């Protein structure tokens, strides 16, 4: 029997805004399956996001949701957890939102190790602004040898690699959906800050510009 995703989706919110071929929808479905597997009460879930492609996810789900300012999702999530410690506080954030403009909040959230689950959607670039790149700093997870719309020379920078201080850190991919379900389950059940970095594909802008045939083409260098 097919899984009924509609039970967790707000009426009138679909179709979503993600581009054809974007893998964010796969992660979206993985999160809904996890909520169902763990039998979480939707009224006990607070789903927080910042700004970016990934940040649109809370708008589609029938949970308590908060769409915040750019890079500040973890700050808002911390406040929610302090006010309502019995709730399951989840953060969905892009690599730029979490580790670039929100990098300072990210570091301190890891250091505090408060009981929040953070899903970092990593598609390597700033997708919502058309695969753009500031000259300095470069995107926090931008892999070597890649080009963007505003930076045409191959990158030589080192990308973001680990979360310092978080007591649970994992990496999955949208391609390995079943394994991703298990990682998110473990992250939610973990007591303390849990970070799951999820490698995603952005075929419309980043992938096309760099001639990637699969999401695996541009790997961590």
C-alpha atoms as a PDB file:
ATOM      1  CA  UNK A   1       0.000   0.000   0.000  1.00  0.00           C
ATOM      2  CA  UNK A   2       1.384   3.407  -0.962  1.00  0.00           C
ATOM      3  CA  UNK A   3       2.267   5.817   1.817  1.00  0.00           C
ATOM      4  CA  UNK A   4      -0.342   8.550   2.353  1.00  0.00           C
ATOM      5  CA  UNK A   5       1.633  11.801   2.352  1.00  0.00           C
ATOM      6  CA  UNK A   6      -1.535  13.897   2.123  1.00  0.00           C
ATOM      7  CA  UNK A   7      -2.290  13.359   5.809  1.00  0.00           C
ATOM      8  CA  UNK A   8       0.664  15.604   6.714  1.00  0.00           C
ATOM      9  CA  UNK A   9       0.325  18.250   3.966  1.00  0.00           C
ATOM     10  CA  UNK A  10      -1.616  21.495   4.273  1.00  0.00           C
ATOM     11  CA  UNK A  11      -4.465  21.825   1.825  1.00  0.00           C
ATOM     12  CA  UNK A  12      -4.010  24.170  -1.106  1.00  0.00           C
ATOM     13  CA  UNK A  13      -0.221  24.474  -0.786  1.00  0.00           C
ATOM     14  CA  UNK A  14       0.838  22.205  -3.642  1.00  0.00           C
ATOM     15  CA  UNK A  15       2.345  22.129  -6.209  1.00  0.00           C
ATOM     16  CA  UNK A  16       5.632  23.087  -4.583  1.00  0.00           C
ATOM     17  CA  UNK A  17       8.044  25.713  -5.921  1.00  0.00           C
ATOM     18  CA  UNK A  18      11.121  23.498  -6.351  1.00  0.00           C
ATOM     19  CA  UNK A  19      12.549  23.131  -9.858  1.00  0.00           C
ATOM     20  CA  UNK A  20      12.175  19.943 -11.921  1.00  0.00           C
ATOM     21  CA  UNK A  21      14.908  17.522 -10.908  1.00  0.00           C
ATOM     22  CA  UNK A  22      15.516  19.176  -7.530  1.00  0.00           C
ATOM     23  CA  UNK A  23      15.924  16.512  -4.863  1.00  0.00           C
ATOM     24  CA  UNK A  24      14.426  18.571  -2.028  1.00  0.00           C
ATOM     25  CA  UNK A  25      11.086  16.849  -2.598  1.00  0.00           C
ATOM     26  CA  UNK A  26      12.729  13.501  -1.850  1.00  0.00           C
ATOM     27  CA  UNK A  27      13.970  14.806   1.509  1.00  0.00           C
ATOM     28  CA  UNK A  28      10.547  16.332   2.162  1.00  0.00           C
ATOM     29  CA  UNK A  29       8.910  12.915   1.718  1.00  0.00           C
ATOM     30  CA  UNK A  30      11.599  11.267   3.863  1.00  0.00           C
ATOM     31  CA  UNK A  31      10.805  13.636   6.736  1.00  0.00           C
ATOM     32  CA  UNK A  32       7.082  12.864   6.500  1.00  0.00           C
ATOM     33  CA  UNK A  33       7.753   9.119   6.553  1.00  0.00           C
ATOM     34  CA  UNK A  34       9.921   9.566   9.640  1.00  0.00           C
ATOM     35  CA  UNK A  35       7.193  11.503  11.452  1.00  0.00           C
ATOM     36  CA  UNK A  36       4.779   8.686  10.657  1.00  0.00           C
ATOM     37  CA  UNK A  37       7.227   5.944  11.696  1.00  0.00           C
ATOM     38  CA  UNK A  38       7.905   7.587  15.054  1.00  0.00           C
ATOM     39  CA  UNK A  39       4.188   8.294  15.547  1.00  0.00           C
ATOM     40  CA  UNK A  40       4.924  11.910  16.411  1.00  0.00           C
ATOM     41  CA  UNK A  41       1.917  14.052  17.226  1.00  0.00           C
ATOM     42  CA  UNK A  42       1.911  16.866  14.664  1.00  0.00           C
ATOM     43  CA  UNK A  43       0.901  19.298  17.432  1.00  0.00           C
ATOM     44  CA  UNK A  44       4.141  18.421  19.247  1.00  0.00           C
ATOM     45  CA  UNK A  45       6.338  19.303  16.262  1.00  0.00           C
ATOM     46  CA  UNK A  46       7.814  22.744  15.646  1.00  0.00           C
ATOM     47  CA  UNK A  47       9.439  22.975  12.199  1.00  0.00           C
ATOM     48  CA  UNK A  48      11.634  26.055  11.748  1.00  0.00           C
ATOM     49  CA  UNK A  49      13.337  27.421   8.637  1.00  0.00           C
ATOM     50  CA  UNK A  50      15.231  30.484   7.515  1.00  0.00           C
ATOM     51  CA  UNK A  51      15.556  31.755   3.932  1.00  0.00           C
ATOM     52  CA  UNK A  52      16.413  29.781   0.794  1.00  0.00           C
ATOM     53  CA  UNK A  53      15.047  26.941  -1.304  1.00  0.00           C
ATOM     54  CA  UNK A  54      14.896  24.547   1.663  1.00  0.00           C
ATOM     55  CA  UNK A  55      13.107  27.128   3.799  1.00  0.00           C
ATOM     56  CA  UNK A  56       9.890  26.712   1.825  1.00  0.00           C
ATOM     57  CA  UNK A  57       9.347  23.194   3.179  1.00  0.00           C
ATOM     58  CA  UNK A  58       7.511  24.216   6.411  1.00  0.00           C
ATOM     59  CA  UNK A  59       4.867  25.968   4.331  1.00  0.00           C
ATOM     60  CA  UNK A  60       3.687  22.634   2.950  1.00  0.00           C
ATOM     61  CA  UNK A  61       3.291  20.645   6.174  1.00  0.00           C
ATOM     62  CA  UNK A  62       0.484  20.571   8.713  1.00  0.00           C
ATOM     63  CA  UNK A  63       2.725  21.082  11.745  1.00  0.00           C
ATOM     64  CA  UNK A  64       3.553  24.082  13.915  1.00  0.00           C
ATOM     65  CA  UNK A  65       5.889  25.975  11.605  1.00  0.00           C
ATOM     66  CA  UNK A  66       8.008  29.108  11.650  1.00  0.00           C
ATOM     67  CA  UNK A  67       9.561  30.787   8.606  1.00  0.00           C
ATOM     68  CA  UNK A  68      12.231  33.122   9.973  1.00  0.00           C
ATOM     69  CA  UNK A  69      14.866  35.540   8.716  1.00  0.00           C
ATOM     70  CA  UNK A  70      17.984  34.540   6.805  1.00  0.00           C
ATOM     71  CA  UNK A  71      20.460  32.569   8.919  1.00  0.00           C
ATOM     72  CA  UNK A  72      18.451  32.908  12.118  1.00  0.00           C
ATOM     73  CA  UNK A  73      16.480  29.657  12.135  1.00  0.00           C
ATOM     74  CA  UNK A  74      18.585  28.117  14.919  1.00  0.00           C
ATOM     75  CA  UNK A  75      18.179  31.197  17.087  1.00  0.00           C
ATOM     76  CA  UNK A  76      14.395  31.005  16.812  1.00  0.00           C
ATOM     77  CA  UNK A  77      14.459  27.230  17.293  1.00  0.00           C
ATOM     78  CA  UNK A  78      16.503  27.613  20.470  1.00  0.00           C
ATOM     79  CA  UNK A  79      13.906  30.009  21.853  1.00  0.00           C
ATOM     80  CA  UNK A  80      11.095  27.574  21.062  1.00  0.00           C
ATOM     81  CA  UNK A  81      12.904  24.677  22.746  1.00  0.00           C
ATOM     82  CA  UNK A  82      13.585  26.760  25.858  1.00  0.00           C
ATOM     83  CA  UNK A  83       9.938  27.839  26.077  1.00  0.00           C
ATOM     84  CA  UNK A  84       8.498  24.425  25.143  1.00  0.00           C
ATOM     85  CA  UNK A  85      11.091  21.775  26.084  1.00  0.00           C
ATOM     86  CA  UNK A  86       8.591  18.947  25.564  1.00  0.00           C
ATOM     87  CA  UNK A  87       8.203  19.692  21.837  1.00  0.00           C
ATOM     88  CA  UNK A  88      10.137  18.145  18.957  1.00  0.00           C
ATOM     89  CA  UNK A  89      11.961  21.118  17.446  1.00  0.00           C
ATOM     90  CA  UNK A  90      13.265  20.528  13.924  1.00  0.00           C
ATOM     91  CA  UNK A  91      15.193  22.930  11.703  1.00  0.00           C
ATOM     92  CA  UNK A  92      15.409  22.679   7.919  1.00  0.00           C
ATOM     93  CA  UNK A  93      18.083  24.912   6.466  1.00  0.00           C
ATOM     94  CA  UNK A  94      20.132  25.218   3.304  1.00  0.00           C
ATOM     95  CA  UNK A  95      23.923  25.143   3.363  1.00  0.00           C
ATOM     96  CA  UNK A  96      24.092  28.925   2.928  1.00  0.00           C
ATOM     97  CA  UNK A  97      21.392  29.629   5.512  1.00  0.00           C
ATOM     98  CA  UNK A  98      22.909  27.269   8.096  1.00  0.00           C
ATOM     99  CA  UNK A  99      26.669  27.534   7.638  1.00  0.00           C
ATOM    100  CA  UNK A 100      27.323  30.849   5.878  1.00  0.00           C
ATOM    101  CA  UNK A 101      25.079  33.716   7.020  1.00  0.00           C
ATOM    102  CA  UNK A 102      23.892  31.522   9.907  1.00  0.00           C
ATOM    103  CA  UNK A 103      27.324  30.089  10.691  1.00  0.00           C
ATOM    104  CA  UNK A 104      27.716  31.843  14.030  1.00  0.00           C
ATOM    105  CA  UNK A 105      24.314  30.619  15.250  1.00  0.00           C
ATOM    106  CA  UNK A 106      25.200  27.158  13.994  1.00  0.00           C
ATOM    107  CA  UNK A 107      28.495  27.028  15.930  1.00  0.00           C
ATOM    108  CA  UNK A 108      26.903  28.203  19.177  1.00  0.00           C
ATOM    109  CA  UNK A 109      23.931  25.858  18.818  1.00  0.00           C
ATOM    110  CA  UNK A 110      26.400  22.978  18.492  1.00  0.00           C
ATOM    111  CA  UNK A 111      28.310  24.221  21.522  1.00  0.00           C
ATOM    112  CA  UNK A 112      25.132  24.469  23.634  1.00  0.00           C
ATOM    113  CA  UNK A 113      24.039  20.981  22.492  1.00  0.00           C
ATOM    114  CA  UNK A 114      20.370  21.817  23.042  1.00  0.00           C
ATOM    115  CA  UNK A 115      17.891  19.115  22.001  1.00  0.00           C
ATOM    116  CA  UNK A 116      17.159  20.241  18.409  1.00  0.00           C
ATOM    117  CA  UNK A 117      17.370  18.318  15.139  1.00  0.00           C
ATOM    118  CA  UNK A 118      18.976  20.236  12.248  1.00  0.00           C
ATOM    119  CA  UNK A 119      18.616  19.044   8.655  1.00  0.00           C
ATOM    120  CA  UNK A 120      21.129  20.852   6.430  1.00  0.00           C
ATOM    121  CA  UNK A 121      20.087  20.644   2.781  1.00  0.00           C
ATOM    122  CA  UNK A 122      23.401  20.927   0.932  1.00  0.00           C
ATOM    123  CA  UNK A 123      23.210  21.597  -2.807  1.00  0.00           C
ATOM    124  CA  UNK A 124      26.611  23.370  -2.718  1.00  0.00           C
ATOM    125  CA  UNK A 125      25.429  26.803  -3.858  1.00  0.00           C
ATOM    126  CA  UNK A 126      23.002  29.650  -3.200  1.00  0.00           C
ATOM    127  CA  UNK A 127      20.201  28.209  -5.314  1.00  0.00           C
ATOM    128  CA  UNK A 128      17.414  30.673  -4.533  1.00  0.00           C
ATOM    129  CA  UNK A 129      19.517  33.540  -5.907  1.00  0.00           C
ATOM    130  CA  UNK A 130      20.216  31.725  -9.157  1.00  0.00           C
ATOM    131  CA  UNK A 131      23.429  29.881  -8.286  1.00  0.00           C
ATOM    132  CA  UNK A 132      25.089  33.132  -7.280  1.00  0.00           C
ATOM    133  CA  UNK A 133      28.291  33.500  -5.326  1.00  0.00           C
ATOM    134  CA  UNK A 134      29.640  36.450  -3.345  1.00  0.00           C
ATOM    135  CA  UNK A 135      33.273  37.166  -4.145  1.00  0.00           C
ATOM    136  CA  UNK A 136      34.146  36.846  -0.446  1.00  0.00           C
ATOM    137  CA  UNK A 137      33.210  34.818   1.430  1.00  0.00           C
ATOM    138  CA  UNK A 138      32.505  31.989  -0.980  1.00  0.00           C
ATOM    139  CA  UNK A 139      29.674  29.564  -0.189  1.00  0.00           C
ATOM    140  CA  UNK A 140      30.505  27.584   2.906  1.00  0.00           C
ATOM    141  CA  UNK A 141      30.123  24.216   1.200  1.00  0.00           C
ATOM    142  CA  UNK A 142      31.194  25.104  -2.334  1.00  0.00           C
ATOM    143  CA  UNK A 143      33.306  22.199  -3.637  1.00  0.00           C
ATOM    144  CA  UNK A 144      36.609  22.651  -5.456  1.00  0.00           C
ATOM    145  CA  UNK A 145      36.646  22.896  -9.259  1.00  0.00           C
ATOM    146  CA  UNK A 146      33.079  24.220  -9.505  1.00  0.00           C
ATOM    147  CA  UNK A 147      31.705  27.347 -11.211  1.00  0.00           C
ATOM    148  CA  UNK A 148      28.664  29.473 -10.385  1.00  0.00           C
ATOM    149  CA  UNK A 149      26.711  32.196 -12.184  1.00  0.00           C
ATOM    150  CA  UNK A 150      28.850  34.952 -10.652  1.00  0.00           C
ATOM    151  CA  UNK A 151      32.148  33.119 -10.172  1.00  0.00           C
ATOM    152  CA  UNK A 152      33.307  31.550 -13.426  1.00  0.00           C
ATOM    153  CA  UNK A 153      36.769  30.451 -12.332  1.00  0.00           C
ATOM    154  CA  UNK A 154      37.014  27.000 -10.701  1.00  0.00           C
ATOM    155  CA  UNK A 155      36.951  27.129  -6.918  1.00  0.00           C
ATOM    156  CA  UNK A 156      40.070  26.277  -4.937  1.00  0.00           C
ATOM    157  CA  UNK A 157      38.528  26.766  -1.500  1.00  0.00           C
ATOM    158  CA  UNK A 158      37.993  24.115   1.152  1.00  0.00           C
ATOM    159  CA  UNK A 159      34.390  23.396   1.981  1.00  0.00           C
ATOM    160  CA  UNK A 160      32.609  23.173   5.313  1.00  0.00           C
ATOM    161  CA  UNK A 161      33.183  19.714   6.808  1.00  0.00           C
ATOM    162  CA  UNK A 162      32.052  19.172  10.350  1.00  0.00           C
ATOM    163  CA  UNK A 163      29.877  20.477  13.150  1.00  0.00           C
ATOM    164  CA  UNK A 164      31.922  21.276  16.224  1.00  0.00           C
ATOM    165  CA  UNK A 165      30.277  20.415  19.523  1.00  0.00           C
ATOM    166  CA  UNK A 166      27.099  18.719  18.318  1.00  0.00           C
ATOM    167  CA  UNK A 167      26.677  15.318  19.946  1.00  0.00           C
ATOM    168  CA  UNK A 168      25.170  13.694  16.832  1.00  0.00           C
ATOM    169  CA  UNK A 169      26.489  14.398  13.323  1.00  0.00           C
ATOM    170  CA  UNK A 170      25.591  12.395  10.212  1.00  0.00           C
ATOM    171  CA  UNK A 171      25.628  12.736   6.435  1.00  0.00           C
ATOM    172  CA  UNK A 172      23.185  11.260   3.959  1.00  0.00           C
ATOM    173  CA  UNK A 173      22.053  11.871   0.412  1.00  0.00           C
ATOM    174  CA  UNK A 174      18.716  12.334  -1.298  1.00  0.00           C
ATOM    175  CA  UNK A 175      19.705   9.427  -3.553  1.00  0.00           C
ATOM    176  CA  UNK A 176      19.807   7.001  -0.597  1.00  0.00           C
ATOM    177  CA  UNK A 177      16.263   7.733   0.569  1.00  0.00           C
ATOM    178  CA  UNK A 178      15.768   4.654   2.766  1.00  0.00           C
ATOM    179  CA  UNK A 179      19.074   5.251   4.522  1.00  0.00           C
ATOM    180  CA  UNK A 180      18.139   8.897   4.967  1.00  0.00           C
ATOM    181  CA  UNK A 181      14.950   7.852   6.763  1.00  0.00           C
ATOM    182  CA  UNK A 182      17.028   5.917   9.272  1.00  0.00           C
ATOM    183  CA  UNK A 183      19.453   8.814   9.819  1.00  0.00           C
ATOM    184  CA  UNK A 184      16.637  11.268  10.533  1.00  0.00           C
ATOM    185  CA  UNK A 185      14.975   8.786  12.899  1.00  0.00           C
ATOM    186  CA  UNK A 186      18.228   8.433  14.849  1.00  0.00           C
ATOM    187  CA  UNK A 187      18.690  12.209  14.868  1.00  0.00           C
ATOM    188  CA  UNK A 188      15.228  12.932  16.258  1.00  0.00           C
ATOM    189  CA  UNK A 189      15.552  10.240  18.928  1.00  0.00           C
ATOM    190  CA  UNK A 190      18.961  11.555  19.995  1.00  0.00           C
ATOM    191  CA  UNK A 191      18.994  13.787  23.090  1.00  0.00           C
ATOM    192  CA  UNK A 192      21.094  16.823  22.272  1.00  0.00           C
ATOM    193  CA  UNK A 193      21.811  18.753  19.104  1.00  0.00           C
ATOM    194  CA  UNK A 194      21.726  16.458  16.090  1.00  0.00           C
ATOM    195  CA  UNK A 195      22.920  17.557  12.654  1.00  0.00           C
ATOM    196  CA  UNK A 196      22.161  15.653   9.463  1.00  0.00           C
ATOM    197  CA  UNK A 197      23.822  17.038   6.344  1.00  0.00           C
ATOM    198  CA  UNK A 198      21.923  15.904   3.253  1.00  0.00           C
ATOM    199  CA  UNK A 199      23.660  16.051  -0.126  1.00  0.00           C
ATOM    200  CA  UNK A 200      21.188  17.299  -2.744  1.00  0.00           C
ATOM    201  CA  UNK A 201      21.240  17.963  -6.462  1.00  0.00           C
ATOM    202  CA  UNK A 202      20.554  21.328  -8.106  1.00  0.00           C
ATOM    203  CA  UNK A 203      20.363  20.309 -11.781  1.00  0.00           C
ATOM    204  CA  UNK A 204      18.626  23.431 -13.055  1.00  0.00           C
ATOM    205  CA  UNK A 205      21.396  25.907 -12.273  1.00  0.00           C
ATOM    206  CA  UNK A 206      24.470  24.472 -10.583  1.00  0.00           C
ATOM    207  CA  UNK A 207      24.416  21.054 -12.244  1.00  0.00           C
ATOM    208  CA  UNK A 208      23.780  22.360 -15.733  1.00  0.00           C
ATOM    209  CA  UNK A 209      26.496  25.003 -15.441  1.00  0.00           C
ATOM    210  CA  UNK A 210      29.072  22.480 -14.259  1.00  0.00           C
ATOM    211  CA  UNK A 211      27.951  19.708 -16.643  1.00  0.00           C
ATOM    212  CA  UNK A 212      27.190  17.225 -13.865  1.00  0.00           C
ATOM    213  CA  UNK A 213      25.634  14.013 -15.114  1.00  0.00           C
ATOM    214  CA  UNK A 214      24.659  12.823 -11.624  1.00  0.00           C
ATOM    215  CA  UNK A 215      24.607  14.316  -8.091  1.00  0.00           C
ATOM    216  CA  UNK A 216      27.748  12.268  -7.357  1.00  0.00           C
ATOM    217  CA  UNK A 217      29.776  14.075 -10.026  1.00  0.00           C
ATOM    218  CA  UNK A 218      30.701  16.997  -7.804  1.00  0.00           C
ATOM    219  CA  UNK A 219      32.011  15.390  -4.636  1.00  0.00           C
ATOM    220  CA  UNK A 220      33.870  16.751  -1.664  1.00  0.00           C
ATOM    221  CA  UNK A 221      37.441  17.433  -2.674  1.00  0.00           C
END
